[in-house]
Amino acid sequence: MENQQPEFQQREYYTPNRRPSLPNSTTVLVLGIISIPTSFCYGFIGITLGIIALVLAKRDLKLYRENPDFFSGYENLNSGKICAIIGLSIGSVIFLILLMYILFAASIVLSALPFAN
């Protein structure tokens, strides 16, 4: 019998073709998606999440533009940025409608008071 050596499977934990993802690309995507339905909650939550997502997207976009060949995940970053803009827009419109409603209701209530003659 020949000297047989057992075959070991080598696991490759790092492959040279695999690029690391942008640090906040998944976070931007999640915040952007969540900002759309939460913008219907009086607009406050959607506006807040949209602004946070846009700030994080700006940082990662700058990092990606410096080293475009080094990072992956630009698709998630771009999708999250678009969702954040949509959520921010919807939240702003709903917030302005709510503000106009409050001002209209306050003007009716104040005009009905006896000292407003």
C-alpha atoms as a PDB file:
ATOM      1  CA  MET A   1       0.000   0.000   0.000  1.00  0.00           C
ATOM      2  CA  GLU A   2       1.140   3.428  -0.750  1.00  0.00           C
ATOM      3  CA  ASN A   3       1.378   6.152   1.781  1.00  0.00           C
ATOM      4  CA  GLN A   4      -2.007   7.847   1.462  1.00  0.00           C
ATOM      5  CA  GLN A   5      -2.601  11.182   3.032  1.00  0.00           C
ATOM      6  CA  PRO A   6      -6.102  12.184   3.992  1.00  0.00           C
ATOM      7  CA  GLU A   7      -7.647  14.876   1.886  1.00  0.00           C
ATOM      8  CA  PHE A   8      -8.411  17.962   3.852  1.00  0.00           C
ATOM      9  CA  GLN A   9     -10.890  20.461   2.596  1.00  0.00           C
ATOM     10  CA  GLN A  10      -9.557  23.915   2.863  1.00  0.00           C
ATOM     11  CA  ARG A  11     -12.126  26.518   3.620  1.00  0.00           C
ATOM     12  CA  GLU A  12     -11.569  29.811   1.991  1.00  0.00           C
ATOM     13  CA  TYR A  13     -12.568  32.576   4.327  1.00  0.00           C
ATOM     14  CA  TYR A  14     -11.167  35.269   2.117  1.00  0.00           C
ATOM     15  CA  THR A  15     -11.279  35.284  -1.605  1.00  0.00           C
ATOM     16  CA  PRO A  16      -9.505  38.004  -3.519  1.00  0.00           C
ATOM     17  CA  ASN A  17     -12.562  38.642  -5.727  1.00  0.00           C
ATOM     18  CA  ARG A  18     -14.855  39.312  -2.785  1.00  0.00           C
ATOM     19  CA  ARG A  19     -14.997  42.971  -1.864  1.00  0.00           C
ATOM     20  CA  PRO A  20     -16.194  44.218   1.524  1.00  0.00           C
ATOM     21  CA  SER A  21     -19.543  45.912   1.630  1.00  0.00           C
ATOM     22  CA  LEU A  22     -19.924  49.594   2.415  1.00  0.00           C
ATOM     23  CA  PRO A  23     -20.165  50.071   6.197  1.00  0.00           C
ATOM     24  CA  ASN A  24     -23.679  51.538   6.348  1.00  0.00           C
ATOM     25  CA  SER A  25     -25.279  50.357   3.106  1.00  0.00           C
ATOM     26  CA  THR A  26     -27.653  47.901   4.803  1.00  0.00           C
ATOM     27  CA  THR A  27     -28.485  50.419   7.529  1.00  0.00           C
ATOM     28  CA  VAL A  28     -29.340  53.068   4.940  1.00  0.00           C
ATOM     29  CA  LEU A  29     -31.544  50.583   3.095  1.00  0.00           C
ATOM     30  CA  VAL A  30     -33.415  49.551   6.248  1.00  0.00           C
ATOM     31  CA  LEU A  31     -33.902  53.143   7.451  1.00  0.00           C
ATOM     32  CA  GLY A  32     -35.028  54.230   3.995  1.00  0.00           C
ATOM     33  CA  ILE A  33     -37.590  51.460   3.732  1.00  0.00           C
ATOM     34  CA  ILE A  34     -38.891  52.038   7.267  1.00  0.00           C
ATOM     35  CA  SER A  35     -39.168  55.799   6.684  1.00  0.00           C
ATOM     36  CA  ILE A  36     -41.889  55.314   4.055  1.00  0.00           C
ATOM     37  CA  PRO A  37     -44.608  53.651   6.189  1.00  0.00           C
ATOM     38  CA  THR A  38     -43.672  55.581   9.320  1.00  0.00           C
ATOM     39  CA  SER A  39     -44.045  58.881   7.472  1.00  0.00           C
ATOM     40  CA  PHE A  40     -47.795  58.385   7.840  1.00  0.00           C
ATOM     41  CA  CYS A  41     -47.412  58.642  11.656  1.00  0.00           C
ATOM     42  CA  TYR A  42     -47.896  62.428  11.672  1.00  0.00           C
ATOM     43  CA  GLY A  43     -44.724  62.730   9.600  1.00  0.00           C
ATOM     44  CA  PHE A  44     -42.307  63.030  12.530  1.00  0.00           C
ATOM     45  CA  ILE A  45     -40.843  59.530  12.492  1.00  0.00           C
ATOM     46  CA  GLY A  46     -40.550  59.335   8.705  1.00  0.00           C
ATOM     47  CA  ILE A  47     -38.796  62.700   8.530  1.00  0.00           C
ATOM     48  CA  THR A  48     -36.349  61.714  11.262  1.00  0.00           C
ATOM     49  CA  LEU A  49     -35.498  58.320   9.745  1.00  0.00           C
ATOM     50  CA  GLY A  50     -35.194  59.829   6.268  1.00  0.00           C
ATOM     51  CA  ILE A  51     -32.739  62.470   7.446  1.00  0.00           C
ATOM     52  CA  ILE A  52     -30.625  59.909   9.316  1.00  0.00           C
ATOM     53  CA  ALA A  53     -30.559  57.642   6.252  1.00  0.00           C
ATOM     54  CA  LEU A  54     -29.526  60.503   3.965  1.00  0.00           C
ATOM     55  CA  VAL A  55     -26.681  61.555   6.274  1.00  0.00           C
ATOM     56  CA  LEU A  56     -25.361  57.991   6.463  1.00  0.00           C
ATOM     57  CA  ALA A  57     -25.744  57.623   2.694  1.00  0.00           C
ATOM     58  CA  LYS A  58     -23.732  60.769   2.101  1.00  0.00           C
ATOM     59  CA  ARG A  59     -20.833  59.413   4.172  1.00  0.00           C
ATOM     60  CA  ASP A  60     -20.811  56.060   2.402  1.00  0.00           C
ATOM     61  CA  LEU A  61     -21.195  57.646  -1.022  1.00  0.00           C
ATOM     62  CA  LYS A  62     -18.095  59.738  -0.348  1.00  0.00           C
ATOM     63  CA  LEU A  63     -16.239  56.607   0.751  1.00  0.00           C
ATOM     64  CA  TYR A  64     -17.368  54.736  -2.361  1.00  0.00           C
ATOM     65  CA  ARG A  65     -16.351  57.534  -4.711  1.00  0.00           C
ATOM     66  CA  GLU A  66     -12.847  57.556  -3.218  1.00  0.00           C
ATOM     67  CA  ASN A  67     -12.386  53.777  -3.729  1.00  0.00           C
ATOM     68  CA  PRO A  68     -14.998  52.408  -6.156  1.00  0.00           C
ATOM     69  CA  ASP A  69     -13.071  49.201  -6.838  1.00  0.00           C
ATOM     70  CA  PHE A  70     -12.606  48.344  -3.186  1.00  0.00           C
ATOM     71  CA  PHE A  71     -16.229  48.325  -1.951  1.00  0.00           C
ATOM     72  CA  SER A  72     -19.441  46.596  -2.933  1.00  0.00           C
ATOM     73  CA  GLY A  73     -22.999  47.341  -1.822  1.00  0.00           C
ATOM     74  CA  TYR A  74     -23.549  50.481  -3.851  1.00  0.00           C
ATOM     75  CA  GLU A  75     -26.911  49.122  -5.032  1.00  0.00           C
ATOM     76  CA  ASN A  76     -28.226  48.900  -1.455  1.00  0.00           C
ATOM     77  CA  LEU A  77     -26.928  52.385  -0.737  1.00  0.00           C
ATOM     78  CA  ASN A  78     -28.610  53.874  -3.781  1.00  0.00           C
ATOM     79  CA  SER A  79     -31.921  52.078  -3.111  1.00  0.00           C
ATOM     80  CA  GLY A  80     -31.918  53.175   0.519  1.00  0.00           C
ATOM     81  CA  LYS A  81     -31.187  56.749  -0.486  1.00  0.00           C
ATOM     82  CA  ILE A  82     -34.134  56.775  -2.907  1.00  0.00           C
ATOM     83  CA  CYS A  83     -36.454  55.270  -0.277  1.00  0.00           C
ATOM     84  CA  ALA A  84     -35.265  57.845   2.266  1.00  0.00           C
ATOM     85  CA  ILE A  85     -36.030  60.686  -0.142  1.00  0.00           C
ATOM     86  CA  ILE A  86     -39.518  59.272  -0.756  1.00  0.00           C
ATOM     87  CA  GLY A  87     -40.159  58.833   2.982  1.00  0.00           C
ATOM     88  CA  LEU A  88     -38.861  62.323   3.714  1.00  0.00           C
ATOM     89  CA  SER A  89     -41.085  63.831   1.030  1.00  0.00           C
ATOM     90  CA  ILE A  90     -44.227  62.029   2.169  1.00  0.00           C
ATOM     91  CA  GLY A  91     -43.504  62.838   5.817  1.00  0.00           C
ATOM     92  CA  SER A  92     -42.961  66.522   5.015  1.00  0.00           C
ATOM     93  CA  VAL A  93     -46.221  66.770   3.088  1.00  0.00           C
ATOM     94  CA  ILE A  94     -48.173  65.056   5.867  1.00  0.00           C
ATOM     95  CA  PHE A  95     -46.518  67.254   8.489  1.00  0.00           C
ATOM     96  CA  LEU A  96     -47.456  70.417   6.545  1.00  0.00           C
ATOM     97  CA  ILE A  97     -51.055  69.218   6.147  1.00  0.00           C
ATOM     98  CA  LEU A  98     -51.213  68.510   9.889  1.00  0.00           C
ATOM     99  CA  LEU A  99     -49.777  71.948  10.661  1.00  0.00           C
ATOM    100  CA  MET A 100     -52.310  73.676   8.390  1.00  0.00           C
ATOM    101  CA  TYR A 101     -55.133  71.699  10.026  1.00  0.00           C
ATOM    102  CA  ILE A 102     -54.019  72.745  13.507  1.00  0.00           C
ATOM    103  CA  LEU A 103     -53.729  76.393  12.465  1.00  0.00           C
ATOM    104  CA  PHE A 104     -57.165  76.292  10.820  1.00  0.00           C
ATOM    105  CA  ALA A 105     -58.756  74.685  13.885  1.00  0.00           C
ATOM    106  CA  ALA A 106     -57.048  77.199  16.179  1.00  0.00           C
ATOM    107  CA  SER A 107     -58.317  80.125  14.092  1.00  0.00           C
ATOM    108  CA  ILE A 108     -61.894  78.819  14.291  1.00  0.00           C
ATOM    109  CA  VAL A 109     -61.681  78.274  18.046  1.00  0.00           C
ATOM    110  CA  LEU A 110     -60.101  81.687  18.664  1.00  0.00           C
ATOM    111  CA  SER A 111     -62.692  83.473  16.515  1.00  0.00           C
ATOM    112  CA  ALA A 112     -65.514  81.867  18.529  1.00  0.00           C
ATOM    113  CA  LEU A 113     -64.238  83.199  21.863  1.00  0.00           C
ATOM    114  CA  PRO A 114     -66.146  86.175  23.326  1.00  0.00           C
ATOM    115  CA  PHE A 115     -63.128  88.491  23.561  1.00  0.00           C
ATOM    116  CA  ALA A 116     -62.368  88.135  19.849  1.00  0.00           C
ATOM    117  CA  ASN A 117     -65.077  90.628  18.808  1.00  0.00           C
END
